């Protein structure tokens, strides 16, 4: 399996674990009466699943995006690129300005 596919699957699993924790916290602390709403309704488990699933999609996408963007900041071992501080070729020369 390609490395990028493995990375994607790993980040999606992390995103859904974060979603499960987030959904658990929402229900546990009864944010906006969510716990009473879910437990008092016959469709409460469907609502709980939908909250978990859609938050999982968002968290997985954000997790993968952060990981991909951080890949460019890994240490580069080769020194053949032209990035970095430019080397000055000459010392500055003072210039006299006359005001008339």
PDB file of N, CA and C in Angstrom:
ATOM      1  N   UNK A   1       0.853  -1.176   0.000  1.00  0.00           N
ATOM      2  CA  UNK A   1       0.000   0.000   0.000  1.00  0.00           C
ATOM      3  C   UNK A   1       0.899   1.240   0.000  1.00  0.00           C
ATOM      4  N   UNK A   2       0.586   2.238  -0.806  1.00  0.00           N
ATOM      5  CA  UNK A   2       1.411   3.460  -0.855  1.00  0.00           C
ATOM      6  C   UNK A   2       1.439   4.188   0.492  1.00  0.00           C
ATOM      7  N   UNK A   3       2.528   4.898   0.713  1.00  0.00           N
ATOM      8  CA  UNK A   3       2.702   5.608   1.991  1.00  0.00           C
ATOM      9  C   UNK A   3       1.614   6.645   2.228  1.00  0.00           C
ATOM     10  N   UNK A   4       1.198   7.331   1.174  1.00  0.00           N
ATOM     11  CA  UNK A   4       0.193   8.375   1.322  1.00  0.00           C
ATOM     12  C   UNK A   4      -1.164   7.789   1.727  1.00  0.00           C
ATOM     13  N   UNK A   5      -1.501   6.612   1.202  1.00  0.00           N
ATOM     14  CA  UNK A   5      -2.759   5.963   1.580  1.00  0.00           C
ATOM     15  C   UNK A   5      -2.709   5.526   3.042  1.00  0.00           C
ATOM     16  N   UNK A   6      -1.572   4.984   3.466  1.00  0.00           N
ATOM     17  CA  UNK A   6      -1.410   4.606   4.875  1.00  0.00           C
ATOM     18  C   UNK A   6      -1.526   5.827   5.780  1.00  0.00           C
ATOM     19  N   UNK A   7      -0.904   6.909   5.358  1.00  0.00           N
ATOM     20  CA  UNK A   7      -0.974   8.149   6.128  1.00  0.00           C
ATOM     21  C   UNK A   7      -2.407   8.644   6.216  1.00  0.00           C
ATOM     22  N   UNK A   8      -3.142   8.592   5.114  1.00  0.00           N
ATOM     23  CA  UNK A   8      -4.534   9.047   5.098  1.00  0.00           C
ATOM     24  C   UNK A   8      -5.396   8.204   6.039  1.00  0.00           C
ATOM     25  N   UNK A   9      -5.257   6.893   5.969  1.00  0.00           N
ATOM     26  CA  UNK A   9      -6.050   6.001   6.834  1.00  0.00           C
ATOM     27  C   UNK A   9      -5.721   6.258   8.296  1.00  0.00           C
ATOM     28  N   UNK A  10      -4.443   6.442   8.605  1.00  0.00           N
ATOM     29  CA  UNK A  10      -4.035   6.714   9.983  1.00  0.00           C
ATOM     30  C   UNK A  10      -4.641   8.024  10.480  1.00  0.00           C
ATOM     31  N   UNK A  11      -4.603   9.059   9.671  1.00  0.00           N
ATOM     32  CA  UNK A  11      -5.130  10.356  10.093  1.00  0.00           C
ATOM     33  C   UNK A  11      -6.656  10.331  10.204  1.00  0.00           C
ATOM     34  N   UNK A  12      -7.320   9.574   9.357  1.00  0.00           N
ATOM     35  CA  UNK A  12      -8.777   9.442   9.454  1.00  0.00           C
ATOM     36  C   UNK A  12      -9.156   8.724  10.743  1.00  0.00           C
ATOM     37  N   UNK A  13      -8.411   7.689  11.102  1.00  0.00           N
ATOM     38  CA  UNK A  13      -8.698   6.987  12.362  1.00  0.00           C
ATOM     39  C   UNK A  13      -8.479   7.909  13.557  1.00  0.00           C
ATOM     40  N   UNK A  14      -7.424   8.701  13.533  1.00  0.00           N
ATOM     41  CA  UNK A  14      -7.188   9.662  14.613  1.00  0.00           C
ATOM     42  C   UNK A  14      -8.325  10.675  14.670  1.00  0.00           C
ATOM     43  N   UNK A  15      -8.793  11.145  13.524  1.00  0.00           N
ATOM     44  CA  UNK A  15      -9.891  12.100  13.472  1.00  0.00           C
ATOM     45  C   UNK A  15     -11.174  11.535  14.058  1.00  0.00           C
ATOM     46  N   UNK A  16     -11.478  10.273  13.777  1.00  0.00           N
ATOM     47  CA  UNK A  16     -12.697   9.677  14.318  1.00  0.00           C
ATOM     48  C   UNK A  16     -12.566   9.365  15.809  1.00  0.00           C
ATOM     49  N   UNK A  17     -11.366   9.067  16.271  1.00  0.00           N
ATOM     50  CA  UNK A  17     -11.169   8.909  17.715  1.00  0.00           C
ATOM     51  C   UNK A  17     -11.388  10.249  18.418  1.00  0.00           C
ATOM     52  N   UNK A  18     -10.851  11.313  17.840  1.00  0.00           N
ATOM     53  CA  UNK A  18     -11.088  12.643  18.400  1.00  0.00           C
ATOM     54  C   UNK A  18     -12.567  12.992  18.385  1.00  0.00           C
ATOM     55  N   UNK A  19     -13.268  12.588  17.341  1.00  0.00           N
ATOM     56  CA  UNK A  19     -14.706  12.829  17.266  1.00  0.00           C
ATOM     57  C   UNK A  19     -15.451  12.067  18.350  1.00  0.00           C
ATOM     58  N   UNK A  20     -15.041  10.844  18.616  1.00  0.00           N
ATOM     59  CA  UNK A  20     -15.688  10.064  19.673  1.00  0.00           C
ATOM     60  C   UNK A  20     -15.482  10.725  21.030  1.00  0.00           C
ATOM     61  N   UNK A  21     -14.274  11.210  21.282  1.00  0.00           N
ATOM     62  CA  UNK A  21     -13.992  11.901  22.542  1.00  0.00           C
ATOM     63  C   UNK A  21     -14.812  13.184  22.629  1.00  0.00           C
ATOM     64  N   UNK A  22     -14.836  13.950  21.546  1.00  0.00           N
ATOM     65  CA  UNK A  22     -15.586  15.209  21.521  1.00  0.00           C
ATOM     66  C   UNK A  22     -17.082  14.960  21.732  1.00  0.00           C
ATOM     67  N   UNK A  23     -17.640  13.962  21.049  1.00  0.00           N
ATOM     68  CA  UNK A  23     -19.057  13.644  21.199  1.00  0.00           C
ATOM     69  C   UNK A  23     -19.349  13.166  22.610  1.00  0.00           C
ATOM     70  N   UNK A  24     -18.457  12.367  23.175  1.00  0.00           N
ATOM     71  CA  UNK A  24     -18.631  11.918  24.563  1.00  0.00           C
ATOM     72  C   UNK A  24     -18.643  13.082  25.534  1.00  0.00           C
ATOM     73  N   UNK A  25     -17.763  14.053  25.316  1.00  0.00           N
ATOM     74  CA  UNK A  25     -17.724  15.235  26.185  1.00  0.00           C
ATOM     75  C   UNK A  25     -19.007  16.046  26.031  1.00  0.00           C
ATOM     76  N   UNK A  26     -19.490  16.200  24.802  1.00  0.00           N
ATOM     77  CA  UNK A  26     -20.735  16.931  24.577  1.00  0.00           C
ATOM     78  C   UNK A  26     -21.903  16.293  25.317  1.00  0.00           C
ATOM     79  N   UNK A  27     -21.998  14.979  25.238  1.00  0.00           N
ATOM     80  CA  UNK A  27     -23.104  14.271  25.882  1.00  0.00           C
ATOM     81  C   UNK A  27     -22.917  14.252  27.400  1.00  0.00           C
ATOM     82  N   UNK A  28     -21.705  14.006  27.858  1.00  0.00           N
ATOM     83  CA  UNK A  28     -21.445  13.910  29.296  1.00  0.00           C
ATOM     84  C   UNK A  28     -21.766  15.215  30.024  1.00  0.00           C
ATOM     85  N   UNK A  29     -21.346  16.339  29.457  1.00  0.00           N
ATOM     86  CA  UNK A  29     -21.575  17.626  30.104  1.00  0.00           C
ATOM     87  C   UNK A  29     -22.922  18.247  29.727  1.00  0.00           C
ATOM     88  N   UNK A  30     -23.721  17.518  28.974  1.00  0.00           N
ATOM     89  CA  UNK A  30     -25.085  17.933  28.631  1.00  0.00           C
ATOM     90  C   UNK A  30     -25.101  19.332  28.018  1.00  0.00           C
ATOM     91  N   UNK A  31     -24.229  19.553  27.035  1.00  0.00           N
ATOM     92  CA  UNK A  31     -24.138  20.847  26.370  1.00  0.00           C
ATOM     93  C   UNK A  31     -25.444  21.099  25.615  1.00  0.00           C
ATOM     94  N   UNK A  32     -26.066  22.230  25.894  1.00  0.00           N
ATOM     95  CA  UNK A  32     -27.324  22.656  25.264  1.00  0.00           C
ATOM     96  C   UNK A  32     -28.433  21.617  25.428  1.00  0.00           C
ATOM     97  N   UNK A  33     -28.411  20.859  26.527  1.00  0.00           N
ATOM     98  CA  UNK A  33     -29.448  19.863  26.783  1.00  0.00           C
ATOM     99  C   UNK A  33     -29.373  18.665  25.855  1.00  0.00           C
ATOM    100  N   UNK A  34     -28.206  18.414  25.289  1.00  0.00           N
ATOM    101  CA  UNK A  34     -28.041  17.347  24.297  1.00  0.00           C
ATOM    102  C   UNK A  34     -28.255  15.963  24.904  1.00  0.00           C
ATOM    103  N   UNK A  35     -27.779  15.748  26.113  1.00  0.00           N
ATOM    104  CA  UNK A  35     -27.920  14.437  26.755  1.00  0.00           C
ATOM    105  C   UNK A  35     -29.395  14.106  26.982  1.00  0.00           C
ATOM    106  N   UNK A  36     -30.143  15.044  27.504  1.00  0.00           N
ATOM    107  CA  UNK A  36     -31.576  14.811  27.729  1.00  0.00           C
ATOM    108  C   UNK A  36     -32.310  14.611  26.416  1.00  0.00           C
ATOM    109  N   UNK A  37     -31.914  15.347  25.391  1.00  0.00           N
ATOM    110  CA  UNK A  37     -32.553  15.208  24.088  1.00  0.00           C
ATOM    111  C   UNK A  37     -32.276  13.835  23.485  1.00  0.00           C
ATOM    112  N   UNK A  38     -31.035  13.376  23.573  1.00  0.00           N
ATOM    113  CA  UNK A  38     -30.679  12.076  22.990  1.00  0.00           C
ATOM    114  C   UNK A  38     -31.301  10.916  23.765  1.00  0.00           C
ATOM    115  N   UNK A  39     -31.309  11.011  25.097  1.00  0.00           N
ATOM    116  CA  UNK A  39     -31.848   9.915  25.896  1.00  0.00           C
ATOM    117  C   UNK A  39     -33.369   9.930  25.952  1.00  0.00           C
ATOM    118  N   UNK A  40     -33.975  11.085  25.720  1.00  0.00           N
ATOM    119  CA  UNK A  40     -35.427  11.184  25.800  1.00  0.00           C
ATOM    120  C   UNK A  40     -36.144  10.923  24.497  1.00  0.00           C
ATOM    121  N   UNK A  41     -35.423  10.694  23.431  1.00  0.00           N
ATOM    122  CA  UNK A  41     -36.027  10.507  22.122  1.00  0.00           C
ATOM    123  C   UNK A  41     -35.830   9.071  21.645  1.00  0.00           C
ATOM    124  N   UNK A  42     -36.773   8.608  20.852  1.00  0.00           N
ATOM    125  CA  UNK A  42     -36.622   7.255  20.298  1.00  0.00           C
ATOM    126  C   UNK A  42     -35.551   7.226  19.203  1.00  0.00           C
ATOM    127  N   UNK A  43     -35.265   8.365  18.625  1.00  0.00           N
ATOM    128  CA  UNK A  43     -34.221   8.460  17.594  1.00  0.00           C
ATOM    129  C   UNK A  43     -32.916   9.015  18.152  1.00  0.00           C
ATOM    130  N   UNK A  44     -32.717   8.894  19.456  1.00  0.00           N
ATOM    131  CA  UNK A  44     -31.537   9.450  20.096  1.00  0.00           C
ATOM    132  C   UNK A  44     -30.235   8.821  19.626  1.00  0.00           C
ATOM    133  N   UNK A  45     -30.245   7.508  19.399  1.00  0.00           N
ATOM    134  CA  UNK A  45     -29.024   6.832  18.951  1.00  0.00           C
ATOM    135  C   UNK A  45     -28.658   7.245  17.528  1.00  0.00           C
ATOM    136  N   UNK A  46     -29.663   7.485  16.702  1.00  0.00           N
ATOM    137  CA  UNK A  46     -29.391   7.977  15.357  1.00  0.00           C
ATOM    138  C   UNK A  46     -28.760   9.365  15.424  1.00  0.00           C
ATOM    139  N   UNK A  47     -29.304  10.215  16.279  1.00  0.00           N
ATOM    140  CA  UNK A  47     -28.729  11.550  16.453  1.00  0.00           C
ATOM    141  C   UNK A  47     -27.303  11.490  16.976  1.00  0.00           C
ATOM    142  N   UNK A  48     -27.062  10.592  17.925  1.00  0.00           N
ATOM    143  CA  UNK A  48     -25.717  10.434  18.470  1.00  0.00           C
ATOM    144  C   UNK A  48     -24.739   9.973  17.396  1.00  0.00           C
ATOM    145  N   UNK A  49     -25.181   9.015  16.580  1.00  0.00           N
ATOM    146  CA  UNK A  49     -24.326   8.540  15.494  1.00  0.00           C
ATOM    147  C   UNK A  49     -24.034   9.651  14.494  1.00  0.00           C
ATOM    148  N   UNK A  50     -25.055  10.435  14.148  1.00  0.00           N
ATOM    149  CA  UNK A  50     -24.857  11.505  13.168  1.00  0.00           C
ATOM    150  C   UNK A  50     -23.911  12.574  13.697  1.00  0.00           C
ATOM    151  N   UNK A  51     -24.032  12.921  14.976  1.00  0.00           N
ATOM    152  CA  UNK A  51     -23.094  13.885  15.565  1.00  0.00           C
ATOM    153  C   UNK A  51     -21.679  13.333  15.503  1.00  0.00           C
ATOM    154  N   UNK A  52     -21.514  12.066  15.895  1.00  0.00           N
ATOM    155  CA  UNK A  52     -20.199  11.434  15.854  1.00  0.00           C
ATOM    156  C   UNK A  52     -19.651  11.377  14.428  1.00  0.00           C
ATOM    157  N   UNK A  53     -20.487  10.950  13.485  1.00  0.00           N
ATOM    158  CA  UNK A  53     -20.022  10.743  12.112  1.00  0.00           C
ATOM    159  C   UNK A  53     -19.626  12.054  11.441  1.00  0.00           C
ATOM    160  N   UNK A  54     -20.471  13.062  11.524  1.00  0.00           N
ATOM    161  CA  UNK A  54     -20.163  14.310  10.835  1.00  0.00           C
ATOM    162  C   UNK A  54     -19.015  15.065  11.502  1.00  0.00           C
ATOM    163  N   UNK A  55     -18.921  15.006  12.827  1.00  0.00           N
ATOM    164  CA  UNK A  55     -17.742  15.575  13.476  1.00  0.00           C
ATOM    165  C   UNK A  55     -16.500  14.777  13.093  1.00  0.00           C
ATOM    166  N   UNK A  56     -16.643  13.472  12.919  1.00  0.00           N
ATOM    167  CA  UNK A  56     -15.524  12.643  12.492  1.00  0.00           C
ATOM    168  C   UNK A  56     -15.031  13.019  11.113  1.00  0.00           C
ATOM    169  N   UNK A  57     -15.950  13.329  10.207  1.00  0.00           N
ATOM    170  CA  UNK A  57     -15.533  13.768   8.872  1.00  0.00           C
ATOM    171  C   UNK A  57     -14.739  15.066   8.943  1.00  0.00           C
ATOM    172  N   UNK A  58     -15.222  16.000   9.752  1.00  0.00           N
ATOM    173  CA  UNK A  58     -14.526  17.283   9.882  1.00  0.00           C
ATOM    174  C   UNK A  58     -13.167  17.099  10.545  1.00  0.00           C
ATOM    175  N   UNK A  59     -13.135  16.378  11.664  1.00  0.00           N
ATOM    176  CA  UNK A  59     -11.876  16.186  12.392  1.00  0.00           C
ATOM    177  C   UNK A  59     -10.871  15.407  11.559  1.00  0.00           C
ATOM    178  N   UNK A  60     -11.328  14.408  10.804  1.00  0.00           N
ATOM    179  CA  UNK A  60     -10.414  13.627   9.959  1.00  0.00           C
ATOM    180  C   UNK A  60      -9.826  14.500   8.856  1.00  0.00           C
ATOM    181  N   UNK A  61     -10.650  15.333   8.243  1.00  0.00           N
ATOM    182  CA  UNK A  61     -10.152  16.218   7.197  1.00  0.00           C
ATOM    183  C   UNK A  61      -9.147  17.215   7.724  1.00  0.00           C
ATOM    184  N   UNK A  62      -9.438  17.783   8.891  1.00  0.00           N
ATOM    185  CA  UNK A  62      -8.516  18.752   9.486  1.00  0.00           C
ATOM    186  C   UNK A  62      -7.226  18.060   9.909  1.00  0.00           C
ATOM    187  N   UNK A  63      -7.353  16.880  10.491  1.00  0.00           N
ATOM    188  CA  UNK A  63      -6.174  16.134  10.935  1.00  0.00           C
ATOM    189  C   UNK A  63      -5.261  15.813   9.745  1.00  0.00           C
ATOM    190  N   UNK A  64      -5.848  15.362   8.647  1.00  0.00           N
ATOM    191  CA  UNK A  64      -5.064  15.030   7.459  1.00  0.00           C
ATOM    192  C   UNK A  64      -4.434  16.283   6.857  1.00  0.00           C
ATOM    193  N   UNK A  65      -5.184  17.372   6.813  1.00  0.00           N
ATOM    194  CA  UNK A  65      -4.649  18.614   6.248  1.00  0.00           C
ATOM    195  C   UNK A  65      -3.473  19.136   7.071  1.00  0.00           C
ATOM    196  N   UNK A  66      -3.600  19.087   8.380  1.00  0.00           N
ATOM    197  CA  UNK A  66      -2.498  19.539   9.233  1.00  0.00           C
ATOM    198  C   UNK A  66      -1.270  18.674   9.015  1.00  0.00           C
ATOM    199  N   UNK A  67      -1.458  17.377   8.917  1.00  0.00           N
ATOM    200  CA  UNK A  67      -0.323  16.462   8.731  1.00  0.00           C
ATOM    201  C   UNK A  67       0.366  16.703   7.385  1.00  0.00           C
ATOM    202  N   UNK A  68      -0.422  16.901   6.347  1.00  0.00           N
ATOM    203  CA  UNK A  68       0.150  17.137   5.021  1.00  0.00           C
ATOM    204  C   UNK A  68       0.909  18.461   5.001  1.00  0.00           C
ATOM    205  N   UNK A  69       0.337  19.501   5.621  1.00  0.00           N
ATOM    206  CA  UNK A  69       1.011  20.801   5.615  1.00  0.00           C
ATOM    207  C   UNK A  69       2.288  20.779   6.443  1.00  0.00           C
ATOM    208  N   UNK A  70       2.336  19.964   7.475  1.00  0.00           N
ATOM    209  CA  UNK A  70       3.546  19.875   8.295  1.00  0.00           C
ATOM    210  C   UNK A  70       4.637  19.055   7.631  1.00  0.00           C
ATOM    211  N   UNK A  71       4.314  18.295   6.606  1.00  0.00           N
ATOM    212  CA  UNK A  71       5.327  17.482   5.934  1.00  0.00           C
ATOM    213  C   UNK A  71       6.383  18.352   5.270  1.00  0.00           C
ATOM    214  N   UNK A  72       6.049  19.532   4.842  1.00  0.00           N
ATOM    215  CA  UNK A  72       6.998  20.420   4.196  1.00  0.00           C
ATOM    216  C   UNK A  72       7.996  21.026   5.164  1.00  0.00           C
ATOM    217  N   UNK A  73       7.736  20.935   6.463  1.00  0.00           N
ATOM    218  CA  UNK A  73       8.617  21.530   7.460  1.00  0.00           C
ATOM    219  C   UNK A  73       9.580  20.523   8.075  1.00  0.00           C
ATOM    220  N   UNK A  74       9.605  19.304   7.540  1.00  0.00           N
ATOM    221  CA  UNK A  74      10.537  18.316   8.053  1.00  0.00           C
ATOM    222  C   UNK A  74      11.952  18.693   7.655  1.00  0.00           C
ATOM    223  N   UNK A  75      12.924  18.239   8.429  1.00  0.00           N
ATOM    224  CA  UNK A  75      14.322  18.607   8.183  1.00  0.00           C
ATOM    225  C   UNK A  75      14.782  18.059   6.846  1.00  0.00           C
ATOM    226  N   UNK A  76      15.412  18.928   6.068  1.00  0.00           N
ATOM    227  CA  UNK A  76      15.923  18.571   4.752  1.00  0.00           C
ATOM    228  C   UNK A  76      17.426  18.339   4.882  1.00  0.00           C
ATOM    229  N   UNK A  77      17.876  17.145   4.507  1.00  0.00           N
ATOM    230  CA  UNK A  77      19.292  16.804   4.679  1.00  0.00           C
ATOM    231  C   UNK A  77      20.181  17.306   3.551  1.00  0.00           C
ATOM    232  N   UNK A  78      19.647  17.464   2.361  1.00  0.00           N
ATOM    233  CA  UNK A  78      20.512  17.886   1.269  1.00  0.00           C
ATOM    234  C   UNK A  78      20.695  19.406   1.283  1.00  0.00           C
ATOM    235  N   UNK A  79      21.885  19.819   0.921  1.00  0.00           N
ATOM    236  CA  UNK A  79      22.240  21.235   0.961  1.00  0.00           C
ATOM    237  C   UNK A  79      22.368  21.832  -0.432  1.00  0.00           C
ATOM    238  N   UNK A  80      21.745  21.231  -1.419  1.00  0.00           N
ATOM    239  CA  UNK A  80      21.921  21.713  -2.783  1.00  0.00           C
ATOM    240  C   UNK A  80      20.832  22.681  -3.239  1.00  0.00           C
ATOM    241  N   UNK A  81      19.992  23.120  -2.334  1.00  0.00           N
ATOM    242  CA  UNK A  81      18.970  24.078  -2.750  1.00  0.00           C
ATOM    243  C   UNK A  81      19.480  25.505  -2.582  1.00  0.00           C
ATOM    244  N   UNK A  82      18.786  26.440  -3.189  1.00  0.00           N
ATOM    245  CA  UNK A  82      19.217  27.837  -3.183  1.00  0.00           C
ATOM    246  C   UNK A  82      18.512  28.665  -2.117  1.00  0.00           C
ATOM    247  N   UNK A  83      17.808  28.027  -1.222  1.00  0.00           N
ATOM    248  CA  UNK A  83      17.121  28.775  -0.180  1.00  0.00           C
ATOM    249  C   UNK A  83      18.091  29.144   0.926  1.00  0.00           C
ATOM    250  N   UNK A  84      17.728  30.092   1.737  1.00  0.00           N
ATOM    251  CA  UNK A  84      18.564  30.488   2.854  1.00  0.00           C
ATOM    252  C   UNK A  84      18.999  31.927   2.737  1.00  0.00           C
ATOM    253  N   UNK A  85      19.950  32.291   3.542  1.00  0.00           N
ATOM    254  CA  UNK A  85      20.447  33.661   3.559  1.00  0.00           C
ATOM    255  C   UNK A  85      21.379  33.883   2.375  1.00  0.00           C
ATOM    256  N   UNK A  86      21.126  34.911   1.585  1.00  0.00           N
ATOM    257  CA  UNK A  86      22.027  35.176   0.465  1.00  0.00           C
ATOM    258  C   UNK A  86      23.383  35.672   0.964  1.00  0.00           C
ATOM    259  N   UNK A  87      24.419  35.354   0.224  1.00  0.00           N
ATOM    260  CA  UNK A  87      25.767  35.763   0.584  1.00  0.00           C
ATOM    261  C   UNK A  87      26.053  37.109  -0.062  1.00  0.00           C
ATOM    262  N   UNK A  88      26.509  38.071   0.745  1.00  0.00           N
ATOM    263  CA  UNK A  88      26.859  39.380   0.194  1.00  0.00           C
ATOM    264  C   UNK A  88      28.187  39.275  -0.533  1.00  0.00           C
ATOM    265  N   UNK A  89      28.218  39.829  -1.707  1.00  0.00           N
ATOM    266  CA  UNK A  89      29.450  39.734  -2.486  1.00  0.00           C
ATOM    267  C   UNK A  89      30.395  40.900  -2.208  1.00  0.00           C
ATOM    268  N   UNK A  90      29.895  42.057  -1.764  1.00  0.00           N
ATOM    269  CA  UNK A  90      30.745  43.221  -1.544  1.00  0.00           C
ATOM    270  C   UNK A  90      30.292  43.946  -0.290  1.00  0.00           C
ATOM    271  N   UNK A  91      31.221  44.727   0.238  1.00  0.00           N
ATOM    272  CA  UNK A  91      30.888  45.552   1.387  1.00  0.00           C
ATOM    273  C   UNK A  91      30.146  46.792   0.920  1.00  0.00           C
ATOM    274  N   UNK A  92      29.299  47.363   1.779  1.00  0.00           N
ATOM    275  CA  UNK A  92      28.587  48.574   1.374  1.00  0.00           C
ATOM    276  C   UNK A  92      29.547  49.745   1.179  1.00  0.00           C
ATOM    277  N   UNK A  93      29.240  50.596   0.230  1.00  0.00           N
ATOM    278  CA  UNK A  93      30.054  51.763  -0.093  1.00  0.00           C
ATOM    279  C   UNK A  93      29.276  52.999   0.330  1.00  0.00           C
ATOM    280  N   UNK A  94      29.896  53.902   1.118  1.00  0.00           N
ATOM    281  CA  UNK A  94      29.174  55.113   1.510  1.00  0.00           C
ATOM    282  C   UNK A  94      28.982  56.038   0.311  1.00  0.00           C
ATOM    283  N   UNK A  95      27.858  56.682   0.249  1.00  0.00           N
ATOM    284  CA  UNK A  95      27.527  57.585  -0.856  1.00  0.00           C
ATOM    285  C   UNK A  95      27.282  58.950  -0.267  1.00  0.00           C
ATOM    286  N   UNK A  96      27.954  59.952  -0.849  1.00  0.00           N
ATOM    287  CA  UNK A  96      27.804  61.338  -0.370  1.00  0.00           C
ATOM    288  C   UNK A  96      26.636  61.981  -1.115  1.00  0.00           C
ATOM    289  N   UNK A  97      25.758  62.619  -0.357  1.00  0.00           N
ATOM    290  CA  UNK A  97      24.608  63.303  -0.933  1.00  0.00           C
ATOM    291  C   UNK A  97      24.759  64.792  -0.678  1.00  0.00           C
ATOM    292  N   UNK A  98      24.629  65.564  -1.713  1.00  0.00           N
ATOM    293  CA  UNK A  98      24.718  67.017  -1.548  1.00  0.00           C
ATOM    294  C   UNK A  98      23.344  67.612  -1.779  1.00  0.00           C
ATOM    295  N   UNK A  99      22.973  68.524  -0.918  1.00  0.00           N
ATOM    296  CA  UNK A  99      21.678  69.181  -1.023  1.00  0.00           C
ATOM    297  C   UNK A  99      21.928  70.614  -1.504  1.00  0.00           C
ATOM    298  N   UNK A 100      21.277  71.043  -2.534  1.00  0.00           N
ATOM    299  CA  UNK A 100      21.459  72.391  -3.085  1.00  0.00           C
ATOM    300  C   UNK A 100      20.444  73.350  -2.587  1.00  0.00           C
TER     301      UNK A 100
END
